[in-house]
C-alpha cells in the first residue's frame, strides 16, 4: 500500500475533514483495501464481507483448511466457543446437528 491509499472524507461540525488510513490499519490484509475494509473505515459498517475478509485471513495464517481444525486453532489462541450453531444437512432424510462455535 505504498503507492495507493485509503482516504476518508467527512464533515465534522460542518468542516470538511480528510483522513488517510495508513500504518498498521492500512495493511490489515495482504490484499488491502477490500470493499469490507473501506465500508468499515469509511462508514463504520462491520459488514459480512469484512467479517469474511478477516476470517479468511485468520484461517490462512493458521494454515488450517478444515473448519473443525481451524476452530480448534482459534480455541488454542484463547477464543471462547460462545455461539450455538445448528448445522442443517440435506439428503438422506435431512436433520440438524447442534454445535458450539467461536
N, C-alpha and C. Protein backbone atom coordinates (compact mmCIF):
# COMPACT_ATOMS: atom_id res chain seq x y z
N UNK A 1 0.83 -1.18 0.00
CA UNK A 1 0.00 0.00 0.00
C UNK A 1 0.88 1.25 0.00
N UNK A 2 2.08 1.13 -0.49
CA UNK A 2 2.98 2.28 -0.53
C UNK A 2 2.59 3.29 -1.61
N UNK A 3 1.98 2.81 -2.69
CA UNK A 3 1.66 3.71 -3.79
C UNK A 3 0.18 4.06 -3.86
N UNK A 4 -0.63 3.45 -3.04
CA UNK A 4 -2.05 3.77 -3.00
C UNK A 4 -2.45 4.07 -1.57
N UNK A 5 -3.61 4.61 -1.39
CA UNK A 5 -4.04 4.93 -0.04
C UNK A 5 -5.54 4.87 0.08
N UNK A 6 -5.99 4.88 1.30
CA UNK A 6 -7.41 4.91 1.61
C UNK A 6 -7.67 6.23 2.32
N UNK A 7 -8.44 7.08 1.68
CA UNK A 7 -8.76 8.39 2.23
C UNK A 7 -10.22 8.43 2.64
N UNK A 8 -10.49 8.94 3.82
CA UNK A 8 -11.84 9.08 4.34
C UNK A 8 -12.19 10.56 4.34
N UNK A 9 -13.23 10.91 3.60
CA UNK A 9 -13.70 12.29 3.52
C UNK A 9 -14.98 12.41 4.34
N UNK A 10 -15.04 13.41 5.23
CA UNK A 10 -16.24 13.58 6.05
C UNK A 10 -16.36 15.03 6.49
N UNK A 11 -17.49 15.32 7.10
CA UNK A 11 -17.72 16.63 7.71
C UNK A 11 -17.76 16.46 9.21
N UNK A 12 -17.02 17.27 9.92
CA UNK A 12 -17.08 17.31 11.37
C UNK A 12 -17.48 18.71 11.78
N UNK A 13 -18.66 18.83 12.36
CA UNK A 13 -19.22 20.14 12.74
C UNK A 13 -19.25 21.08 11.55
N UNK A 14 -19.58 20.53 10.38
CA UNK A 14 -19.68 21.34 9.17
C UNK A 14 -18.37 21.66 8.49
N UNK A 15 -17.28 21.17 9.02
CA UNK A 15 -15.95 21.44 8.45
C UNK A 15 -15.46 20.19 7.73
N UNK A 16 -15.08 20.34 6.44
CA UNK A 16 -14.57 19.17 5.72
C UNK A 16 -13.30 18.62 6.37
N UNK A 17 -13.21 17.31 6.41
CA UNK A 17 -12.04 16.65 7.01
C UNK A 17 -11.62 15.50 6.11
N UNK A 18 -10.33 15.34 5.93
CA UNK A 18 -9.78 14.23 5.14
C UNK A 18 -8.80 13.47 6.03
N UNK A 19 -9.06 12.18 6.19
CA UNK A 19 -8.16 11.31 6.95
C UNK A 19 -7.58 10.27 6.01
N UNK A 20 -6.30 10.07 6.11
CA UNK A 20 -5.68 8.98 5.35
C UNK A 20 -5.45 7.83 6.32
N UNK A 21 -5.95 6.67 5.95
CA UNK A 21 -5.75 5.48 6.75
C UNK A 21 -4.40 4.91 6.35
N UNK A 22 -3.47 4.86 7.29
CA UNK A 22 -2.15 4.32 6.98
C UNK A 22 -1.61 3.57 8.18
N UNK A 23 -0.40 3.12 8.07
CA UNK A 23 0.20 2.36 9.16
C UNK A 23 -0.38 0.96 9.22
N UNK A 24 -0.49 0.43 10.43
CA UNK A 24 -0.96 -0.95 10.62
C UNK A 24 -2.38 -1.13 10.09
N UNK A 25 -3.22 -0.11 10.21
CA UNK A 25 -4.60 -0.23 9.75
C UNK A 25 -4.68 -0.41 8.25
N UNK A 26 -3.78 0.22 7.50
CA UNK A 26 -3.85 0.14 6.04
C UNK A 26 -3.32 -1.18 5.51
N UNK A 27 -2.57 -1.89 6.29
CA UNK A 27 -2.02 -3.17 5.85
C UNK A 27 -2.62 -4.33 6.63
N UNK A 28 -3.88 -4.21 6.97
CA UNK A 28 -4.55 -5.24 7.74
C UNK A 28 -4.54 -6.57 7.00
N UNK A 29 -4.75 -6.53 5.70
CA UNK A 29 -4.78 -7.73 4.87
C UNK A 29 -3.77 -7.57 3.74
N UNK A 30 -3.21 -8.67 3.26
CA UNK A 30 -2.24 -8.57 2.17
C UNK A 30 -2.84 -7.97 0.90
N UNK A 31 -4.15 -8.10 0.74
CA UNK A 31 -4.82 -7.63 -0.47
C UNK A 31 -5.62 -6.34 -0.20
N UNK A 32 -5.21 -5.59 0.82
CA UNK A 32 -5.92 -4.36 1.21
C UNK A 32 -5.82 -3.29 0.13
N UNK A 33 -6.78 -2.39 0.07
CA UNK A 33 -8.01 -2.39 0.85
C UNK A 33 -9.11 -3.18 0.14
N UNK A 34 -9.92 -3.86 0.91
CA UNK A 34 -11.08 -4.57 0.37
C UNK A 34 -12.31 -3.69 0.52
N UNK A 35 -13.40 -4.07 -0.16
CA UNK A 35 -14.65 -3.31 0.00
C UNK A 35 -15.10 -3.36 1.45
N UNK A 36 -14.89 -4.49 2.10
CA UNK A 36 -15.26 -4.60 3.51
C UNK A 36 -14.49 -3.62 4.38
N UNK A 37 -13.18 -3.51 4.14
CA UNK A 37 -12.36 -2.55 4.90
C UNK A 37 -12.80 -1.11 4.64
N UNK A 38 -13.07 -0.81 3.37
CA UNK A 38 -13.49 0.54 3.01
C UNK A 38 -14.80 0.90 3.71
N UNK A 39 -15.76 -0.01 3.68
CA UNK A 39 -17.04 0.25 4.34
C UNK A 39 -16.88 0.38 5.85
N UNK A 40 -15.98 -0.40 6.42
CA UNK A 40 -15.76 -0.31 7.87
C UNK A 40 -15.07 1.00 8.24
N UNK A 41 -13.99 1.31 7.56
CA UNK A 41 -13.23 2.52 7.88
C UNK A 41 -13.99 3.79 7.51
N UNK A 42 -14.69 3.76 6.38
CA UNK A 42 -15.38 4.95 5.91
C UNK A 42 -16.71 5.21 6.57
N UNK A 43 -17.46 4.13 6.82
CA UNK A 43 -18.83 4.29 7.33
C UNK A 43 -19.07 3.60 8.66
N UNK A 44 -18.03 2.97 9.20
CA UNK A 44 -18.15 2.21 10.46
C UNK A 44 -19.20 1.10 10.34
N UNK A 45 -19.25 0.47 9.16
CA UNK A 45 -20.17 -0.64 8.92
C UNK A 45 -19.41 -1.96 8.99
N UNK A 46 -19.63 -2.75 10.02
CA UNK A 46 -18.98 -4.07 10.09
C UNK A 46 -19.77 -5.08 9.25
N UNK A 47 -19.52 -5.08 7.95
CA UNK A 47 -20.29 -5.91 7.02
C UNK A 47 -19.84 -7.36 7.05
N UNK A 48 -20.69 -8.22 6.49
CA UNK A 48 -20.35 -9.64 6.38
C UNK A 48 -19.12 -9.81 5.49
N UNK A 49 -18.94 -8.93 4.51
CA UNK A 49 -17.76 -9.00 3.65
C UNK A 49 -16.48 -8.78 4.45
N UNK A 50 -16.52 -7.81 5.36
CA UNK A 50 -15.34 -7.55 6.19
C UNK A 50 -15.09 -8.72 7.14
N UNK A 51 -16.15 -9.26 7.70
CA UNK A 51 -16.03 -10.45 8.55
C UNK A 51 -15.37 -11.58 7.77
N UNK A 52 -15.83 -11.80 6.54
CA UNK A 52 -15.26 -12.87 5.72
C UNK A 52 -13.79 -12.60 5.39
N UNK A 53 -13.45 -11.32 5.13
CA UNK A 53 -12.05 -10.96 4.88
C UNK A 53 -11.18 -11.33 6.08
N UNK A 54 -11.63 -10.93 7.27
CA UNK A 54 -10.86 -11.18 8.49
C UNK A 54 -10.80 -12.68 8.81
N UNK A 55 -11.93 -13.36 8.68
CA UNK A 55 -11.99 -14.79 8.96
C UNK A 55 -11.06 -15.55 8.01
N UNK A 56 -11.12 -15.18 6.73
CA UNK A 56 -10.26 -15.83 5.74
C UNK A 56 -8.78 -15.60 6.02
N UNK A 57 -8.44 -14.40 6.45
CA UNK A 57 -7.04 -14.10 6.77
C UNK A 57 -6.57 -14.92 7.96
N UNK A 58 -7.40 -15.01 9.00
CA UNK A 58 -7.04 -15.83 10.16
C UNK A 58 -6.89 -17.30 9.77
N UNK A 59 -7.79 -17.78 8.93
CA UNK A 59 -7.70 -19.17 8.50
C UNK A 59 -6.42 -19.39 7.69
N UNK A 60 -6.07 -18.43 6.88
CA UNK A 60 -4.82 -18.52 6.11
C UNK A 60 -3.61 -18.55 7.04
N UNK A 61 -3.58 -17.67 8.03
CA UNK A 61 -2.46 -17.62 8.98
C UNK A 61 -2.35 -18.90 9.80
N UNK A 62 -3.49 -19.51 10.11
CA UNK A 62 -3.49 -20.73 10.92
C UNK A 62 -3.03 -21.95 10.12
N UNK A 63 -3.13 -21.86 8.80
CA UNK A 63 -2.82 -22.98 7.90
C UNK A 63 -3.74 -24.17 8.16
N UNK A 64 -4.95 -23.90 8.66
CA UNK A 64 -5.95 -24.94 8.92
C UNK A 64 -7.08 -24.77 7.92
N UNK A 65 -7.17 -25.66 6.95
CA UNK A 65 -8.20 -25.56 5.91
C UNK A 65 -9.52 -26.19 6.36
N UNK A 66 -9.46 -27.15 7.25
CA UNK A 66 -10.64 -27.83 7.77
C UNK A 66 -11.29 -26.96 8.84
N UNK A 67 -12.62 -26.79 8.78
CA UNK A 67 -13.30 -25.89 9.71
C UNK A 67 -13.11 -26.33 11.16
N UNK A 68 -13.17 -27.62 11.44
CA UNK A 68 -13.01 -28.08 12.82
C UNK A 68 -11.59 -27.86 13.33
N UNK A 69 -10.60 -28.07 12.47
CA UNK A 69 -9.21 -27.81 12.87
C UNK A 69 -8.99 -26.31 13.09
N UNK A 70 -9.61 -25.49 12.24
CA UNK A 70 -9.49 -24.05 12.41
C UNK A 70 -10.16 -23.60 13.70
N UNK A 71 -11.33 -24.14 14.01
CA UNK A 71 -12.00 -23.81 15.27
C UNK A 71 -11.10 -24.20 16.45
N UNK A 72 -10.45 -25.35 16.36
CA UNK A 72 -9.52 -25.77 17.41
C UNK A 72 -8.36 -24.80 17.56
N UNK A 73 -7.86 -24.30 16.43
CA UNK A 73 -6.78 -23.32 16.45
C UNK A 73 -7.24 -22.04 17.14
N UNK A 74 -8.46 -21.59 16.82
CA UNK A 74 -8.99 -20.38 17.47
C UNK A 74 -9.07 -20.57 18.99
N UNK A 75 -9.53 -21.74 19.42
CA UNK A 75 -9.62 -22.03 20.85
C UNK A 75 -8.23 -22.00 21.47
N UNK A 76 -7.25 -22.58 20.76
CA UNK A 76 -5.86 -22.57 21.26
C UNK A 76 -5.33 -21.14 21.40
N UNK A 77 -5.87 -20.20 20.60
CA UNK A 77 -5.45 -18.80 20.67
C UNK A 77 -6.19 -18.03 21.76
N UNK A 78 -7.13 -18.71 22.44
CA UNK A 78 -7.85 -18.06 23.53
C UNK A 78 -9.26 -17.61 23.21
N UNK A 79 -9.74 -17.91 21.99
CA UNK A 79 -11.11 -17.55 21.62
C UNK A 79 -12.06 -18.57 22.24
N UNK A 80 -13.09 -18.09 22.90
CA UNK A 80 -14.03 -18.98 23.56
C UNK A 80 -15.18 -19.35 22.62
N UNK A 81 -15.64 -20.58 22.73
CA UNK A 81 -16.80 -21.01 21.97
C UNK A 81 -18.05 -20.52 22.70
N UNK A 82 -18.66 -19.50 22.16
CA UNK A 82 -19.80 -18.87 22.83
C UNK A 82 -21.08 -18.91 22.00
N UNK A 83 -21.01 -19.37 20.77
CA UNK A 83 -22.16 -19.35 19.88
C UNK A 83 -22.70 -20.76 19.68
N UNK A 84 -24.03 -20.87 19.71
CA UNK A 84 -24.69 -22.14 19.42
C UNK A 84 -25.12 -22.11 17.96
N UNK A 85 -24.61 -23.02 17.16
CA UNK A 85 -24.94 -23.09 15.74
C UNK A 85 -25.68 -24.38 15.46
N UNK A 86 -26.61 -24.32 14.54
CA UNK A 86 -27.33 -25.50 14.09
C UNK A 86 -26.97 -25.73 12.64
N UNK A 87 -26.33 -26.84 12.37
CA UNK A 87 -25.96 -27.20 11.01
C UNK A 87 -27.08 -28.03 10.43
N UNK A 88 -27.63 -27.59 9.32
CA UNK A 88 -28.69 -28.34 8.66
C UNK A 88 -28.07 -29.18 7.56
N UNK A 89 -28.45 -30.43 7.53
CA UNK A 89 -27.97 -31.34 6.49
C UNK A 89 -29.14 -31.73 5.61
N UNK A 90 -28.89 -31.81 4.33
CA UNK A 90 -29.94 -32.17 3.37
C UNK A 90 -29.62 -33.52 2.77
N UNK A 91 -30.66 -34.19 2.32
CA UNK A 91 -30.48 -35.52 1.76
C UNK A 91 -30.50 -36.56 2.86
N UNK A 92 -30.77 -37.77 2.50
CA UNK A 92 -30.82 -38.88 3.47
C UNK A 92 -31.73 -38.55 4.65
N UNK A 93 -32.86 -37.93 4.38
CA UNK A 93 -33.80 -37.65 5.46
C UNK A 93 -33.57 -36.33 6.16
N UNK A 94 -32.52 -35.60 5.80
CA UNK A 94 -32.26 -34.30 6.43
C UNK A 94 -31.83 -34.43 7.87
N UNK A 95 -32.09 -33.42 8.63
CA UNK A 95 -31.73 -33.42 10.04
C UNK A 95 -30.90 -32.22 10.40
N UNK A 96 -30.70 -32.05 11.68
CA UNK A 96 -29.88 -30.94 12.16
C UNK A 96 -28.88 -31.45 13.18
N UNK A 97 -27.83 -30.69 13.35
CA UNK A 97 -26.78 -31.02 14.31
C UNK A 97 -26.38 -29.74 15.01
N UNK A 98 -26.52 -29.71 16.33
CA UNK A 98 -26.15 -28.51 17.11
C UNK A 98 -24.69 -28.63 17.54
N UNK A 99 -24.00 -27.50 17.49
CA UNK A 99 -22.59 -27.47 17.87
C UNK A 99 -22.23 -26.10 18.42
N UNK A 100 -21.21 -26.04 19.23
CA UNK A 100 -20.68 -24.77 19.74
C UNK A 100 -19.62 -24.26 18.76
N UNK A 101 -19.63 -22.97 18.50
CA UNK A 101 -18.65 -22.35 17.61
C UNK A 101 -18.08 -21.11 18.27
N UNK A 102 -16.93 -20.70 17.79
CA UNK A 102 -16.28 -19.47 18.29
C UNK A 102 -17.03 -18.26 17.81
